[in-house]
């Protein structure tokens, strides 16, 4: 009987552990929350969740008000949220007024958190995207007070020099604030948005 039980046990399949996400340190998160409060950004903290398979939330926030309405944003890692709010306020909004002569009134995002791999790169297709840990935001267009909508899809190569200058200026500004910035100049997968990621890659295309 003992041998029979041992044999049965030896055939039992032990589940493999699910890959866990890298968690944000409580100290870094506290500093980031303080920075957002200092800058007058309205937000709420979100509970940490590990969904397994390299996807989850750690040290994330829901941005409620950064001074300009932004749609389609869900959970965002605090460091990403801090860089994003600073970019919109100090990079995009001033560029819209100075170059295009109109106030920025809305930013159209294409989302933040999504449990998926990198797209558009065969070499990295087996790797998790920054979106899988809410550490990236995709931006599709900007709405101005005079009614114009400046979109990455339609205006990246606009015949209007001011529009092109605006998009190139905010792209350069993003590269100073985010570790990875991907545009239509990178690959076809980014033909309609800017990918902004708070990492240390120093990769700007």
Protein backbone atom coordinates (compact mmCIF):
# COMPACT_ATOMS: atom_id res chain seq x y z
CA UNK A 1 0.00 0.00 0.00
CA UNK A 2 2.81 2.40 0.91
CA UNK A 3 4.53 1.76 -2.41
CA UNK A 4 1.24 2.31 -4.21
CA UNK A 5 0.71 5.68 -2.53
CA UNK A 6 4.27 6.72 -3.23
CA UNK A 7 3.90 5.84 -6.87
CA UNK A 8 0.67 7.79 -7.09
CA UNK A 9 2.28 10.80 -5.46
CA UNK A 10 5.19 10.71 -7.85
CA UNK A 11 2.83 11.11 -10.79
CA UNK A 12 1.04 14.12 -9.32
CA UNK A 13 1.74 17.28 -11.35
CA UNK A 14 2.83 20.25 -9.27
CA UNK A 15 1.65 23.55 -10.80
CA UNK A 16 4.43 25.91 -11.87
CA UNK A 17 4.51 29.20 -9.97
CA UNK A 18 3.03 32.12 -11.87
CA UNK A 19 5.53 34.88 -12.75
CA UNK A 20 5.10 37.81 -10.40
CA UNK A 21 5.34 41.48 -11.27
CA UNK A 22 8.10 43.69 -9.90
CA UNK A 23 6.50 45.60 -7.04
CA UNK A 24 7.03 49.28 -6.37
CA UNK A 25 8.75 50.01 -3.06
CA UNK A 26 6.57 51.64 -0.40
CA UNK A 27 9.17 54.41 0.01
CA UNK A 28 9.21 55.26 -3.69
CA UNK A 29 5.43 55.20 -3.81
CA UNK A 30 5.15 57.53 -0.80
CA UNK A 31 7.58 60.00 -2.36
CA UNK A 32 5.67 59.89 -5.64
CA UNK A 33 2.30 60.45 -3.96
CA UNK A 34 3.80 63.44 -2.13
CA UNK A 35 5.11 64.83 -5.43
CA UNK A 36 1.66 64.58 -7.02
CA UNK A 37 0.06 66.33 -4.02
CA UNK A 38 2.69 69.06 -4.16
CA UNK A 39 2.00 69.62 -7.85
CA UNK A 40 -1.74 69.89 -7.27
CA UNK A 41 -2.61 66.68 -9.13
CA UNK A 42 -5.88 65.13 -8.00
CA UNK A 43 -5.67 61.34 -7.80
CA UNK A 44 -6.64 58.30 -5.81
CA UNK A 45 -4.43 55.35 -4.95
CA UNK A 46 -5.42 51.90 -6.16
CA UNK A 47 -4.94 48.54 -4.43
CA UNK A 48 -2.06 46.34 -5.56
CA UNK A 49 -3.09 43.31 -7.60
CA UNK A 50 -0.93 40.57 -9.07
CA UNK A 51 -2.84 38.87 -11.88
CA UNK A 52 0.01 36.49 -12.63
CA UNK A 53 1.77 35.88 -15.92
CA UNK A 54 3.70 39.14 -15.48
CA UNK A 55 0.60 41.33 -15.29
CA UNK A 56 -0.62 43.39 -12.37
CA UNK A 57 -0.77 46.66 -10.48
CA UNK A 58 1.70 47.93 -7.89
CA UNK A 59 1.94 51.50 -6.65
CA UNK A 60 -0.69 52.64 -9.12
CA UNK A 61 -3.06 55.60 -9.11
CA UNK A 62 -6.15 56.81 -10.92
CA UNK A 63 -5.54 60.31 -12.23
CA UNK A 64 -8.63 62.43 -11.59
CA UNK A 65 -7.45 65.93 -12.55
CA UNK A 66 -4.08 67.09 -13.88
CA UNK A 67 -5.34 70.46 -15.10
CA UNK A 68 -6.39 69.23 -18.56
CA UNK A 69 -9.04 66.53 -19.09
CA UNK A 70 -7.59 63.17 -20.21
CA UNK A 71 -9.92 60.40 -21.32
CA UNK A 72 -9.56 56.59 -21.36
CA UNK A 73 -7.02 56.39 -18.53
CA UNK A 74 -7.35 53.64 -15.96
CA UNK A 75 -4.62 52.50 -13.56
CA UNK A 76 -1.21 54.14 -13.98
CA UNK A 77 1.97 53.53 -11.97
CA UNK A 78 2.68 56.58 -9.87
CA UNK A 79 6.02 57.41 -11.50
CA UNK A 80 4.41 57.22 -14.93
CA UNK A 81 1.54 59.40 -13.72
CA UNK A 82 3.98 61.99 -12.35
CA UNK A 83 5.95 62.14 -15.62
CA UNK A 84 2.74 62.29 -17.65
CA UNK A 85 1.17 65.13 -15.65
CA UNK A 86 4.40 67.13 -15.86
CA UNK A 87 4.64 66.55 -19.62
CA UNK A 88 1.07 67.67 -20.29
CA UNK A 89 1.35 70.74 -18.08
CA UNK A 90 4.86 71.91 -18.91
CA UNK A 91 5.36 70.46 -22.38
CA UNK A 92 2.16 69.94 -24.33
CA UNK A 93 -0.04 72.78 -23.06
CA UNK A 94 2.58 75.54 -23.55
CA UNK A 95 3.52 74.17 -26.99
CA UNK A 96 -0.12 74.19 -28.11
CA UNK A 97 -0.52 77.84 -27.16
CA UNK A 98 2.87 79.04 -28.39
CA UNK A 99 2.97 77.12 -31.68
CA UNK A 100 -0.67 76.62 -32.60
CA UNK A 101 -2.10 79.71 -30.89
CA UNK A 102 -4.85 77.93 -28.99
CA UNK A 103 -5.36 76.48 -25.52
CA UNK A 104 -5.15 72.73 -24.94
CA UNK A 105 -8.54 71.56 -23.63
CA UNK A 106 -8.41 67.75 -23.88
CA UNK A 107 -5.99 64.88 -24.33
CA UNK A 108 -7.24 61.68 -25.96
CA UNK A 109 -5.45 58.64 -24.59
CA UNK A 110 -5.69 55.11 -25.93
CA UNK A 111 -5.30 53.55 -22.51
CA UNK A 112 -2.73 52.62 -19.89
CA UNK A 113 -3.09 49.17 -18.26
CA UNK A 114 -3.45 46.12 -20.54
CA UNK A 115 -2.17 42.59 -19.84
CA UNK A 116 -0.35 41.97 -23.11
CA UNK A 117 3.02 41.53 -24.77
CA UNK A 118 5.01 44.03 -26.81
CA UNK A 119 3.47 44.53 -30.26
CA UNK A 120 5.13 45.45 -33.53
CA UNK A 121 8.52 43.96 -32.70
CA UNK A 122 9.26 40.34 -33.61
CA UNK A 123 12.38 40.39 -31.44
CA UNK A 124 10.44 41.41 -28.32
CA UNK A 125 7.06 39.80 -29.02
CA UNK A 126 7.54 37.30 -26.16
CA UNK A 127 8.12 40.08 -23.61
CA UNK A 128 5.48 41.81 -21.55
CA UNK A 129 4.66 45.39 -22.54
CA UNK A 130 4.99 48.24 -20.06
CA UNK A 131 1.20 48.33 -20.27
CA UNK A 132 1.08 44.98 -18.46
CA UNK A 133 2.13 46.73 -15.24
CA UNK A 134 0.36 50.05 -15.98
CA UNK A 135 3.70 51.72 -16.64
CA UNK A 136 2.85 53.08 -20.09
CA UNK A 137 0.30 55.43 -21.64
CA UNK A 138 -0.64 55.69 -25.32
CA UNK A 139 -1.72 59.10 -26.61
CA UNK A 140 -3.71 59.48 -29.82
CA UNK A 141 -4.68 63.13 -30.13
CA UNK A 142 -5.00 66.59 -28.61
CA UNK A 143 -8.04 68.88 -28.71
CA UNK A 144 -7.65 72.67 -28.81
CA UNK A 145 -10.01 75.38 -27.65
CA UNK A 146 -10.55 76.58 -31.23
CA UNK A 147 -11.98 73.14 -32.09
CA UNK A 148 -8.98 71.60 -33.82
CA UNK A 149 -8.06 68.00 -33.02
CA UNK A 150 -4.38 67.27 -33.65
CA UNK A 151 -3.99 63.51 -34.05
CA UNK A 152 -0.91 61.36 -34.37
CA UNK A 153 -2.59 59.34 -37.13
CA UNK A 154 -3.61 62.24 -39.34
CA UNK A 155 -1.12 64.97 -38.48
CA UNK A 156 2.27 63.39 -37.77
CA UNK A 157 3.28 64.22 -41.35
CA UNK A 158 0.87 67.12 -41.75
CA UNK A 159 1.41 69.54 -44.65
CA UNK A 160 0.98 72.33 -42.09
CA UNK A 161 4.44 73.26 -40.71
CA UNK A 162 3.06 74.55 -37.40
CA UNK A 163 1.23 71.28 -36.74
CA UNK A 164 4.34 69.26 -37.52
CA UNK A 165 6.41 71.54 -35.29
CA UNK A 166 3.95 71.09 -32.43
CA UNK A 167 4.07 67.29 -32.62
CA UNK A 168 7.85 67.19 -32.96
CA UNK A 169 8.22 69.60 -30.05
CA UNK A 170 6.07 67.56 -27.68
CA UNK A 171 7.80 64.38 -28.85
CA UNK A 172 11.18 65.89 -27.91
CA UNK A 173 9.71 67.06 -24.61
CA UNK A 174 8.41 63.55 -23.86
CA UNK A 175 11.84 62.06 -24.52
CA UNK A 176 13.22 64.21 -21.67
CA UNK A 177 10.65 62.88 -19.21
CA UNK A 178 10.07 59.23 -20.12
CA UNK A 179 12.51 56.37 -20.56
CA UNK A 180 10.83 55.01 -23.69
CA UNK A 181 8.96 57.11 -26.25
CA UNK A 182 7.72 55.48 -29.45
CA UNK A 183 6.11 57.33 -32.36
CA UNK A 184 5.08 56.60 -35.97
CA UNK A 185 8.77 57.01 -36.83
CA UNK A 186 9.50 53.82 -34.86
CA UNK A 187 7.27 51.23 -36.54
CA UNK A 188 3.85 50.64 -38.07
CA UNK A 189 2.38 49.48 -34.74
CA UNK A 190 2.72 53.07 -33.51
CA UNK A 191 1.26 54.79 -36.57
CA UNK A 192 -1.58 56.30 -34.57
CA UNK A 193 -0.17 57.07 -31.13
CA UNK A 194 2.73 58.04 -28.92
CA UNK A 195 3.79 55.33 -26.47
CA UNK A 196 5.12 56.88 -23.24
CA UNK A 197 6.79 54.61 -20.69
CA UNK A 198 8.47 55.41 -17.38
CA UNK A 199 11.49 53.11 -17.53
CA UNK A 200 15.24 53.64 -17.74
CA UNK A 201 15.67 52.57 -21.37
CA UNK A 202 16.49 56.04 -22.77
CA UNK A 203 14.94 54.93 -26.06
CA UNK A 204 13.36 57.72 -28.11
CA UNK A 205 12.07 57.12 -31.63
